[in-house]
């Protein structure tokens, strides 16, 4: 779906009044935010599986970091990676992915946990988000395209993390739908 094809009247909302005053730009922004949330959750799920393998946790949801998300999960992966027996070249590639994830999760938090105000003068959105340790909120001007760009970045990150996970910890796939793929990402449940 292209950004230009969004039409508020074309969406059958379960709560119609929420779309009554939405224009095309607001709808584009909100659909993009939904994609950001979905792709960020997917990245967290893959990172959680990587952490389980790196930390050599027996069962995926037995770790004290089973509920870690975003930046906390990235930091846990970084610490587990540092003490793992993964080769230096593989450590380097995962470190790049983790750095990308950290920046993407920071933006995700700003976009999803921030307050959005449209500034008519600059023709941009202003996001306001409280920040730990600061006496004022983080403020950033952005546009609806930035949200879609972040969703696309998270989508690519998910693919790269999954490829890394399969290359390092993947197991021979026995599932019918994986015929021909060979290896698959597996979480210890």
C-alpha atoms as a PDB file:
ATOM      1  CA  UNK A   1       0.000   0.000   0.000  1.00  0.00           C
ATOM      2  CA  UNK A   2       1.561   3.304  -0.975  1.00  0.00           C
ATOM      3  CA  UNK A   3       1.438   6.314   1.306  1.00  0.00           C
ATOM      4  CA  UNK A   4      -0.709   8.149  -1.240  1.00  0.00           C
ATOM      5  CA  UNK A   5      -3.401   5.476  -1.420  1.00  0.00           C
ATOM      6  CA  UNK A   6      -4.581   5.793   2.190  1.00  0.00           C
ATOM      7  CA  UNK A   7      -8.120   7.080   2.535  1.00  0.00           C
ATOM      8  CA  UNK A   8      -9.760   7.385   5.971  1.00  0.00           C
ATOM      9  CA  UNK A   9     -13.169   6.596   4.513  1.00  0.00           C
ATOM     10  CA  UNK A  10     -11.851   3.292   3.126  1.00  0.00           C
ATOM     11  CA  UNK A  11     -11.106   1.891   6.592  1.00  0.00           C
ATOM     12  CA  UNK A  12     -13.876   0.095   8.412  1.00  0.00           C
ATOM     13  CA  UNK A  13     -12.988   1.041  11.971  1.00  0.00           C
ATOM     14  CA  UNK A  14     -14.371  -0.920  14.930  1.00  0.00           C
ATOM     15  CA  UNK A  15     -14.619   2.448  16.697  1.00  0.00           C
ATOM     16  CA  UNK A  16     -15.622   4.751  13.810  1.00  0.00           C
ATOM     17  CA  UNK A  17     -15.631   8.010  15.736  1.00  0.00           C
ATOM     18  CA  UNK A  18     -11.848   7.764  16.217  1.00  0.00           C
ATOM     19  CA  UNK A  19     -11.414   8.308  12.462  1.00  0.00           C
ATOM     20  CA  UNK A  20     -14.041  11.020  12.026  1.00  0.00           C
ATOM     21  CA  UNK A  21     -11.598  13.922  12.086  1.00  0.00           C
ATOM     22  CA  UNK A  22      -8.585  12.048  10.694  1.00  0.00           C
ATOM     23  CA  UNK A  23      -7.168  13.337   7.454  1.00  0.00           C
ATOM     24  CA  UNK A  24      -4.927  11.436   5.057  1.00  0.00           C
ATOM     25  CA  UNK A  25      -1.740  12.551   6.854  1.00  0.00           C
ATOM     26  CA  UNK A  26      -3.031  11.400  10.246  1.00  0.00           C
ATOM     27  CA  UNK A  27      -4.124   8.068   8.846  1.00  0.00           C
ATOM     28  CA  UNK A  28      -0.751   7.569   7.164  1.00  0.00           C
ATOM     29  CA  UNK A  29       0.993   8.359  10.443  1.00  0.00           C
ATOM     30  CA  UNK A  30      -1.207   6.010  12.486  1.00  0.00           C
ATOM     31  CA  UNK A  31      -0.878   3.073  10.099  1.00  0.00           C
ATOM     32  CA  UNK A  32       2.876   3.647  10.093  1.00  0.00           C
ATOM     33  CA  UNK A  33       2.949   3.668  13.902  1.00  0.00           C
ATOM     34  CA  UNK A  34       1.111   0.339  13.898  1.00  0.00           C
ATOM     35  CA  UNK A  35       3.752  -1.119  11.592  1.00  0.00           C
ATOM     36  CA  UNK A  36       6.523   0.227  13.831  1.00  0.00           C
ATOM     37  CA  UNK A  37       4.934  -1.445  16.864  1.00  0.00           C
ATOM     38  CA  UNK A  38       4.537  -4.751  15.021  1.00  0.00           C
ATOM     39  CA  UNK A  39       8.073  -4.829  13.579  1.00  0.00           C
ATOM     40  CA  UNK A  40       9.647  -3.746  16.872  1.00  0.00           C
ATOM     41  CA  UNK A  41       7.856  -6.594  18.668  1.00  0.00           C
ATOM     42  CA  UNK A  42       9.134  -9.013  16.016  1.00  0.00           C
ATOM     43  CA  UNK A  43      12.710  -7.743  16.505  1.00  0.00           C
ATOM     44  CA  UNK A  44      12.362  -8.149  20.276  1.00  0.00           C
ATOM     45  CA  UNK A  45      11.137 -11.726  19.825  1.00  0.00           C
ATOM     46  CA  UNK A  46      14.133 -12.625  17.651  1.00  0.00           C
ATOM     47  CA  UNK A  47      16.535 -10.863  20.031  1.00  0.00           C
ATOM     48  CA  UNK A  48      15.032 -12.751  22.943  1.00  0.00           C
ATOM     49  CA  UNK A  49      15.803 -16.035  21.173  1.00  0.00           C
ATOM     50  CA  UNK A  50      19.369 -14.898  20.447  1.00  0.00           C
ATOM     51  CA  UNK A  51      19.816 -13.908  24.100  1.00  0.00           C
ATOM     52  CA  UNK A  52      18.628 -17.334  25.235  1.00  0.00           C
ATOM     53  CA  UNK A  53      21.307 -19.007  23.106  1.00  0.00           C
ATOM     54  CA  UNK A  54      24.085 -16.536  23.969  1.00  0.00           C
ATOM     55  CA  UNK A  55      23.384 -16.750  27.711  1.00  0.00           C
ATOM     56  CA  UNK A  56      22.954 -20.534  27.394  1.00  0.00           C
ATOM     57  CA  UNK A  57      19.653 -20.412  29.249  1.00  0.00           C
ATOM     58  CA  UNK A  58      18.008 -23.818  29.489  1.00  0.00           C
ATOM     59  CA  UNK A  59      14.478 -22.620  28.732  1.00  0.00           C
ATOM     60  CA  UNK A  60      13.513 -19.446  26.904  1.00  0.00           C
ATOM     61  CA  UNK A  61      11.188 -18.033  29.511  1.00  0.00           C
ATOM     62  CA  UNK A  62      13.105 -19.089  32.614  1.00  0.00           C
ATOM     63  CA  UNK A  63      15.675 -16.283  32.416  1.00  0.00           C
ATOM     64  CA  UNK A  64      15.272 -13.254  34.662  1.00  0.00           C
ATOM     65  CA  UNK A  65      15.396 -11.243  31.435  1.00  0.00           C
ATOM     66  CA  UNK A  66      12.514 -13.117  29.818  1.00  0.00           C
ATOM     67  CA  UNK A  67      10.382  -9.979  29.867  1.00  0.00           C
ATOM     68  CA  UNK A  68      13.143  -7.556  28.824  1.00  0.00           C
ATOM     69  CA  UNK A  69      12.294  -5.334  25.875  1.00  0.00           C
ATOM     70  CA  UNK A  70      13.948  -2.746  23.658  1.00  0.00           C
ATOM     71  CA  UNK A  71      17.164  -1.222  24.941  1.00  0.00           C
ATOM     72  CA  UNK A  72      17.309  -3.484  27.997  1.00  0.00           C
ATOM     73  CA  UNK A  73      17.153  -6.554  25.772  1.00  0.00           C
ATOM     74  CA  UNK A  74      19.879  -5.123  23.529  1.00  0.00           C
ATOM     75  CA  UNK A  75      22.126  -4.540  26.555  1.00  0.00           C
ATOM     76  CA  UNK A  76      21.532  -8.076  27.797  1.00  0.00           C
ATOM     77  CA  UNK A  77      22.429  -9.460  24.367  1.00  0.00           C
ATOM     78  CA  UNK A  78      25.594  -7.304  24.297  1.00  0.00           C
ATOM     79  CA  UNK A  79      26.686  -8.606  27.705  1.00  0.00           C
ATOM     80  CA  UNK A  80      25.929 -12.227  26.834  1.00  0.00           C
ATOM     81  CA  UNK A  81      27.724 -11.840  23.487  1.00  0.00           C
ATOM     82  CA  UNK A  82      30.874 -10.504  25.174  1.00  0.00           C
ATOM     83  CA  UNK A  83      31.243 -13.668  27.261  1.00  0.00           C
ATOM     84  CA  UNK A  84      30.081 -16.129  24.591  1.00  0.00           C
ATOM     85  CA  UNK A  85      32.296 -18.418  22.544  1.00  0.00           C
ATOM     86  CA  UNK A  86      30.985 -16.988  19.246  1.00  0.00           C
ATOM     87  CA  UNK A  87      33.763 -16.145  16.761  1.00  0.00           C
ATOM     88  CA  UNK A  88      34.994 -12.559  16.569  1.00  0.00           C
ATOM     89  CA  UNK A  89      33.620 -12.017  13.048  1.00  0.00           C
ATOM     90  CA  UNK A  90      30.159 -13.193  14.115  1.00  0.00           C
ATOM     91  CA  UNK A  91      30.389 -11.077  17.273  1.00  0.00           C
ATOM     92  CA  UNK A  92      31.207  -8.072  15.107  1.00  0.00           C
ATOM     93  CA  UNK A  93      28.226  -8.570  12.811  1.00  0.00           C
ATOM     94  CA  UNK A  94      25.802  -9.065  15.716  1.00  0.00           C
ATOM     95  CA  UNK A  95      27.252  -6.003  17.455  1.00  0.00           C
ATOM     96  CA  UNK A  96      26.377  -3.932  14.359  1.00  0.00           C
ATOM     97  CA  UNK A  97      22.825  -5.309  14.404  1.00  0.00           C
ATOM     98  CA  UNK A  98      22.510  -4.602  18.133  1.00  0.00           C
ATOM     99  CA  UNK A  99      23.715  -1.023  17.657  1.00  0.00           C
ATOM    100  CA  UNK A 100      21.105  -0.547  14.924  1.00  0.00           C
ATOM    101  CA  UNK A 101      18.448  -2.080  17.170  1.00  0.00           C
ATOM    102  CA  UNK A 102      19.309   0.230  20.053  1.00  0.00           C
ATOM    103  CA  UNK A 103      18.833   3.337  17.894  1.00  0.00           C
ATOM    104  CA  UNK A 104      15.645   1.918  16.341  1.00  0.00           C
ATOM    105  CA  UNK A 105      14.145   1.070  19.755  1.00  0.00           C
ATOM    106  CA  UNK A 106      14.917   4.589  20.995  1.00  0.00           C
ATOM    107  CA  UNK A 107      13.026   6.028  18.016  1.00  0.00           C
ATOM    108  CA  UNK A 108      10.248   3.479  18.487  1.00  0.00           C
ATOM    109  CA  UNK A 109       9.853   4.614  22.084  1.00  0.00           C
ATOM    110  CA  UNK A 110       9.813   8.247  21.080  1.00  0.00           C
ATOM    111  CA  UNK A 111       7.202   7.593  18.403  1.00  0.00           C
ATOM    112  CA  UNK A 112       4.978   5.169  20.312  1.00  0.00           C
ATOM    113  CA  UNK A 113       5.258   6.673  23.787  1.00  0.00           C
ATOM    114  CA  UNK A 114       5.400  10.289  22.731  1.00  0.00           C
ATOM    115  CA  UNK A 115       2.695  12.874  22.314  1.00  0.00           C
ATOM    116  CA  UNK A 116       2.227  13.989  18.709  1.00  0.00           C
ATOM    117  CA  UNK A 117       1.255  17.574  17.846  1.00  0.00           C
ATOM    118  CA  UNK A 118       1.003  18.869  14.284  1.00  0.00           C
ATOM    119  CA  UNK A 119       2.779  22.186  13.822  1.00  0.00           C
ATOM    120  CA  UNK A 120       1.045  24.140  11.045  1.00  0.00           C
ATOM    121  CA  UNK A 121       3.862  26.667  10.813  1.00  0.00           C
ATOM    122  CA  UNK A 122       6.606  24.124  10.035  1.00  0.00           C
ATOM    123  CA  UNK A 123       4.243  21.602   8.371  1.00  0.00           C
ATOM    124  CA  UNK A 124       5.732  18.849  10.563  1.00  0.00           C
ATOM    125  CA  UNK A 125       4.842  16.751  13.546  1.00  0.00           C
ATOM    126  CA  UNK A 126       6.368  17.564  16.924  1.00  0.00           C
ATOM    127  CA  UNK A 127       6.824  14.626  19.260  1.00  0.00           C
ATOM    128  CA  UNK A 128       7.138  15.157  22.996  1.00  0.00           C
ATOM    129  CA  UNK A 129       8.302  12.346  25.248  1.00  0.00           C
ATOM    130  CA  UNK A 130       9.423  12.305  28.841  1.00  0.00           C
ATOM    131  CA  UNK A 131      12.980  11.109  29.335  1.00  0.00           C
ATOM    132  CA  UNK A 132      14.656   9.651  32.378  1.00  0.00           C
ATOM    133  CA  UNK A 133      17.156  11.984  33.963  1.00  0.00           C
ATOM    134  CA  UNK A 134      16.072  15.042  31.974  1.00  0.00           C
ATOM    135  CA  UNK A 135      14.136  17.961  33.391  1.00  0.00           C
ATOM    136  CA  UNK A 136      12.299  18.543  30.107  1.00  0.00           C
ATOM    137  CA  UNK A 137      10.780  16.231  27.510  1.00  0.00           C
ATOM    138  CA  UNK A 138      12.609  15.091  24.405  1.00  0.00           C
ATOM    139  CA  UNK A 139      11.251  17.130  21.510  1.00  0.00           C
ATOM    140  CA  UNK A 140      11.704  16.248  17.850  1.00  0.00           C
ATOM    141  CA  UNK A 141      10.197  17.531  14.646  1.00  0.00           C
ATOM    142  CA  UNK A 142       9.455  14.786  12.151  1.00  0.00           C
ATOM    143  CA  UNK A 143       7.044  13.838   9.402  1.00  0.00           C
ATOM    144  CA  UNK A 144       4.855  10.820   8.694  1.00  0.00           C
ATOM    145  CA  UNK A 145       7.456   9.402   6.297  1.00  0.00           C
ATOM    146  CA  UNK A 146       9.918   8.970   9.193  1.00  0.00           C
ATOM    147  CA  UNK A 147       7.558   6.488  10.842  1.00  0.00           C
ATOM    148  CA  UNK A 148       7.343   4.417   7.654  1.00  0.00           C
ATOM    149  CA  UNK A 149      11.132   4.606   7.266  1.00  0.00           C
ATOM    150  CA  UNK A 150      11.563   3.261  10.810  1.00  0.00           C
ATOM    151  CA  UNK A 151       9.078   0.429  10.119  1.00  0.00           C
ATOM    152  CA  UNK A 152      11.093  -0.518   7.009  1.00  0.00           C
ATOM    153  CA  UNK A 153      14.350  -0.311   8.981  1.00  0.00           C
ATOM    154  CA  UNK A 154      12.941  -2.592  11.694  1.00  0.00           C
ATOM    155  CA  UNK A 155      11.723  -5.024   9.022  1.00  0.00           C
ATOM    156  CA  UNK A 156      15.239  -5.244   7.547  1.00  0.00           C
ATOM    157  CA  UNK A 157      16.736  -5.560  11.028  1.00  0.00           C
ATOM    158  CA  UNK A 158      14.423  -8.484  11.812  1.00  0.00           C
ATOM    159  CA  UNK A 159      15.594 -10.278   8.662  1.00  0.00           C
ATOM    160  CA  UNK A 160      19.278  -9.703   9.453  1.00  0.00           C
ATOM    161  CA  UNK A 161      18.869 -10.817  13.085  1.00  0.00           C
ATOM    162  CA  UNK A 162      17.007 -13.938  12.021  1.00  0.00           C
ATOM    163  CA  UNK A 163      19.667 -14.769   9.411  1.00  0.00           C
ATOM    164  CA  UNK A 164      22.374 -14.324  12.057  1.00  0.00           C
ATOM    165  CA  UNK A 165      20.469 -16.496  14.526  1.00  0.00           C
ATOM    166  CA  UNK A 166      19.983 -19.263  11.945  1.00  0.00           C
ATOM    167  CA  UNK A 167      23.637 -19.136  10.861  1.00  0.00           C
ATOM    168  CA  UNK A 168      24.931 -19.378  14.433  1.00  0.00           C
ATOM    169  CA  UNK A 169      22.299 -21.297  16.403  1.00  0.00           C
ATOM    170  CA  UNK A 170      19.987 -22.708  13.729  1.00  0.00           C
ATOM    171  CA  UNK A 171      18.988 -26.342  13.796  1.00  0.00           C
ATOM    172  CA  UNK A 172      18.012 -28.697  11.017  1.00  0.00           C
ATOM    173  CA  UNK A 173      14.365 -28.063  10.308  1.00  0.00           C
ATOM    174  CA  UNK A 174      11.951 -30.968  10.513  1.00  0.00           C
ATOM    175  CA  UNK A 175       8.797 -28.998   9.785  1.00  0.00           C
ATOM    176  CA  UNK A 176       7.055 -29.682   6.470  1.00  0.00           C
ATOM    177  CA  UNK A 177       6.703 -26.003   5.648  1.00  0.00           C
ATOM    178  CA  UNK A 178      10.467 -25.586   5.994  1.00  0.00           C
ATOM    179  CA  UNK A 179      11.286 -28.234   3.372  1.00  0.00           C
ATOM    180  CA  UNK A 180      14.221 -27.035   1.359  1.00  0.00           C
ATOM    181  CA  UNK A 181      15.249 -24.350   3.838  1.00  0.00           C
ATOM    182  CA  UNK A 182      17.535 -26.653   5.789  1.00  0.00           C
ATOM    183  CA  UNK A 183      18.073 -24.762   9.014  1.00  0.00           C
ATOM    184  CA  UNK A 184      15.642 -22.816  11.180  1.00  0.00           C
ATOM    185  CA  UNK A 185      15.738 -20.523  14.175  1.00  0.00           C
ATOM    186  CA  UNK A 186      14.703 -22.436  17.289  1.00  0.00           C
ATOM    187  CA  UNK A 187      13.815 -21.175  20.759  1.00  0.00           C
ATOM    188  CA  UNK A 188      14.333 -23.519  23.691  1.00  0.00           C
ATOM    189  CA  UNK A 189      10.884 -23.900  25.202  1.00  0.00           C
END
